[in-house]
Amino acid sequence: MKLLSPMAVFLLCGFIGIVTHRLGLWLPFGIIGAIIVAGAQTRRFLDEVGAPNALATMADADLLRAYQRTDGVPGNRAADALLAEIERRGLDV
């Protein structure tokens, strides 16, 4: 699920519905699938980064080390949350 976004799930189910001429059947599956994928990605994000309070209690060195372990790709929510905390503290990356 790392590369599959909730919108991709919805569009994929919509495409299957159009091709099979059963859009009314596949559209609800797309909506439910998108909700499930979004929930799983949010849970994985919180497992990777921890609760927002956990970032505030991390030591500066641990915070920088955790950020350096991320890939730094724009849109990576873990890296974005860590970078926001680093910037809030005024640390150099």
C-alpha atoms as a PDB file:
ATOM      1  CA  MET A   1       0.000   0.000   0.000  1.00  0.00           C
ATOM      2  CA  LYS A   2       2.991   2.287   0.021  1.00  0.00           C
ATOM      3  CA  LEU A   3       2.467   3.411  -3.574  1.00  0.00           C
ATOM      4  CA  LEU A   4      -1.319   3.124  -3.743  1.00  0.00           C
ATOM      5  CA  SER A   5      -3.189   6.264  -2.777  1.00  0.00           C
ATOM      6  CA  PRO A   6      -6.843   6.356  -1.733  1.00  0.00           C
ATOM      7  CA  MET A   7      -7.672   8.227  -4.941  1.00  0.00           C
ATOM      8  CA  ALA A   8      -5.969   5.514  -7.008  1.00  0.00           C
ATOM      9  CA  VAL A   9      -8.156   2.866  -5.350  1.00  0.00           C
ATOM     10  CA  PHE A  10     -11.271   4.896  -6.063  1.00  0.00           C
ATOM     11  CA  LEU A  11     -10.312   5.507  -9.708  1.00  0.00           C
ATOM     12  CA  LEU A  12      -9.355   1.875 -10.227  1.00  0.00           C
ATOM     13  CA  CYS A  13     -12.734   0.682  -8.985  1.00  0.00           C
ATOM     14  CA  GLY A  14     -14.449   3.322 -11.125  1.00  0.00           C
ATOM     15  CA  PHE A  15     -12.526   2.158 -14.177  1.00  0.00           C
ATOM     16  CA  ILE A  16     -13.491  -1.469 -13.520  1.00  0.00           C
ATOM     17  CA  GLY A  17     -17.093  -0.364 -13.113  1.00  0.00           C
ATOM     18  CA  ILE A  18     -17.058   1.489 -16.437  1.00  0.00           C
ATOM     19  CA  VAL A  19     -15.418  -1.393 -18.304  1.00  0.00           C
ATOM     20  CA  THR A  20     -17.810  -4.000 -16.882  1.00  0.00           C
ATOM     21  CA  HIS A  21     -20.851  -1.683 -17.195  1.00  0.00           C
ATOM     22  CA  ARG A  22     -21.528  -2.088 -13.469  1.00  0.00           C
ATOM     23  CA  LEU A  23     -20.484   1.311 -12.133  1.00  0.00           C
ATOM     24  CA  GLY A  24     -23.245   1.241  -9.525  1.00  0.00           C
ATOM     25  CA  LEU A  25     -21.720  -1.918  -8.075  1.00  0.00           C
ATOM     26  CA  TRP A  26     -18.052  -0.888  -8.190  1.00  0.00           C
ATOM     27  CA  LEU A  27     -18.404   2.724  -7.039  1.00  0.00           C
ATOM     28  CA  PRO A  28     -19.261   1.802  -3.414  1.00  0.00           C
ATOM     29  CA  PHE A  29     -16.324  -0.628  -3.394  1.00  0.00           C
ATOM     30  CA  GLY A  30     -14.098   2.239  -4.513  1.00  0.00           C
ATOM     31  CA  ILE A  31     -15.328   4.528  -1.758  1.00  0.00           C
ATOM     32  CA  ILE A  32     -14.923   1.864   0.926  1.00  0.00           C
ATOM     33  CA  GLY A  33     -11.514   0.861  -0.451  1.00  0.00           C
ATOM     34  CA  ALA A  34     -10.320   4.477  -0.437  1.00  0.00           C
ATOM     35  CA  ILE A  35     -11.385   4.881   3.197  1.00  0.00           C
ATOM     36  CA  ILE A  36      -9.591   1.668   4.185  1.00  0.00           C
ATOM     37  CA  VAL A  37      -6.374   2.660   2.367  1.00  0.00           C
ATOM     38  CA  ALA A  38      -6.432   6.151   3.914  1.00  0.00           C
ATOM     39  CA  GLY A  39      -6.900   4.669   7.393  1.00  0.00           C
ATOM     40  CA  ALA A  40      -4.077   2.168   6.887  1.00  0.00           C
ATOM     41  CA  GLN A  41      -1.721   4.878   5.648  1.00  0.00           C
ATOM     42  CA  THR A  42      -2.567   7.125   8.594  1.00  0.00           C
ATOM     43  CA  ARG A  43      -1.977   4.270  11.032  1.00  0.00           C
ATOM     44  CA  ARG A  44       1.360   3.437   9.387  1.00  0.00           C
ATOM     45  CA  PHE A  45       2.363   7.116   9.519  1.00  0.00           C
ATOM     46  CA  LEU A  46       1.604   7.335  13.231  1.00  0.00           C
ATOM     47  CA  ASP A  47       3.511   4.091  13.848  1.00  0.00           C
ATOM     48  CA  GLU A  48       6.546   5.463  11.969  1.00  0.00           C
ATOM     49  CA  VAL A  49       6.602   8.917  13.509  1.00  0.00           C
ATOM     50  CA  GLY A  50       4.722   8.382  16.734  1.00  0.00           C
ATOM     51  CA  ALA A  51       2.106  10.620  18.211  1.00  0.00           C
ATOM     52  CA  PRO A  52       2.675  14.362  17.773  1.00  0.00           C
ATOM     53  CA  ASN A  53       3.592  14.638  21.467  1.00  0.00           C
ATOM     54  CA  ALA A  54       6.320  12.039  20.949  1.00  0.00           C
ATOM     55  CA  LEU A  55       8.097  14.387  18.553  1.00  0.00           C
ATOM     56  CA  ALA A  56       8.034  17.182  21.093  1.00  0.00           C
ATOM     57  CA  THR A  57       9.702  14.970  23.701  1.00  0.00           C
ATOM     58  CA  MET A  58      12.461  13.588  21.443  1.00  0.00           C
ATOM     59  CA  ALA A  59      16.024  14.713  22.037  1.00  0.00           C
ATOM     60  CA  ASP A  60      17.526  16.946  19.351  1.00  0.00           C
ATOM     61  CA  ALA A  61      20.069  14.327  18.261  1.00  0.00           C
ATOM     62  CA  ASP A  62      17.382  11.618  18.005  1.00  0.00           C
ATOM     63  CA  LEU A  63      15.157  13.932  15.990  1.00  0.00           C
ATOM     64  CA  LEU A  64      17.933  14.720  13.516  1.00  0.00           C
ATOM     65  CA  ARG A  65      18.892  11.031  13.271  1.00  0.00           C
ATOM     66  CA  ALA A  66      15.260  10.050  12.577  1.00  0.00           C
ATOM     67  CA  TYR A  67      14.999  12.695   9.854  1.00  0.00           C
ATOM     68  CA  GLN A  68      18.221  11.531   8.210  1.00  0.00           C
ATOM     69  CA  ARG A  69      16.828   7.968   8.050  1.00  0.00           C
ATOM     70  CA  THR A  70      13.825   9.132   5.997  1.00  0.00           C
ATOM     71  CA  ASP A  71      14.049   9.351   2.217  1.00  0.00           C
ATOM     72  CA  GLY A  72      13.264  13.086   2.176  1.00  0.00           C
ATOM     73  CA  VAL A  73      10.913  12.773  -0.810  1.00  0.00           C
ATOM     74  CA  PRO A  74       8.332  15.575  -0.897  1.00  0.00           C
ATOM     75  CA  GLY A  75       4.995  14.254   0.322  1.00  0.00           C
ATOM     76  CA  ASN A  76       6.543  11.798   2.790  1.00  0.00           C
ATOM     77  CA  ARG A  77       4.456  12.590   5.846  1.00  0.00           C
ATOM     78  CA  ALA A  78       6.990  11.167   8.296  1.00  0.00           C
ATOM     79  CA  ALA A  79       9.795  13.315   6.882  1.00  0.00           C
ATOM     80  CA  ASP A  80       7.515  16.369   6.742  1.00  0.00           C
ATOM     81  CA  ALA A  81       6.489  15.982  10.404  1.00  0.00           C
ATOM     82  CA  LEU A  82      10.087  15.535  11.518  1.00  0.00           C
ATOM     83  CA  LEU A  83      11.239  18.510   9.440  1.00  0.00           C
ATOM     84  CA  ALA A  84       8.476  20.691  10.889  1.00  0.00           C
ATOM     85  CA  GLU A  85       9.621  19.821  14.406  1.00  0.00           C
ATOM     86  CA  ILE A  86      13.260  20.481  13.464  1.00  0.00           C
ATOM     87  CA  GLU A  87      12.322  23.884  12.048  1.00  0.00           C
ATOM     88  CA  ARG A  88      10.185  24.678  15.111  1.00  0.00           C
ATOM     89  CA  ARG A  89      13.203  24.039  17.348  1.00  0.00           C
ATOM     90  CA  GLY A  90      15.512  25.997  15.054  1.00  0.00           C
ATOM     91  CA  LEU A  91      17.936  23.117  14.485  1.00  0.00           C
ATOM     92  CA  ASP A  92      20.272  22.841  11.487  1.00  0.00           C
ATOM     93  CA  VAL A  93      19.672  19.825   9.257  1.00  0.00           C
END
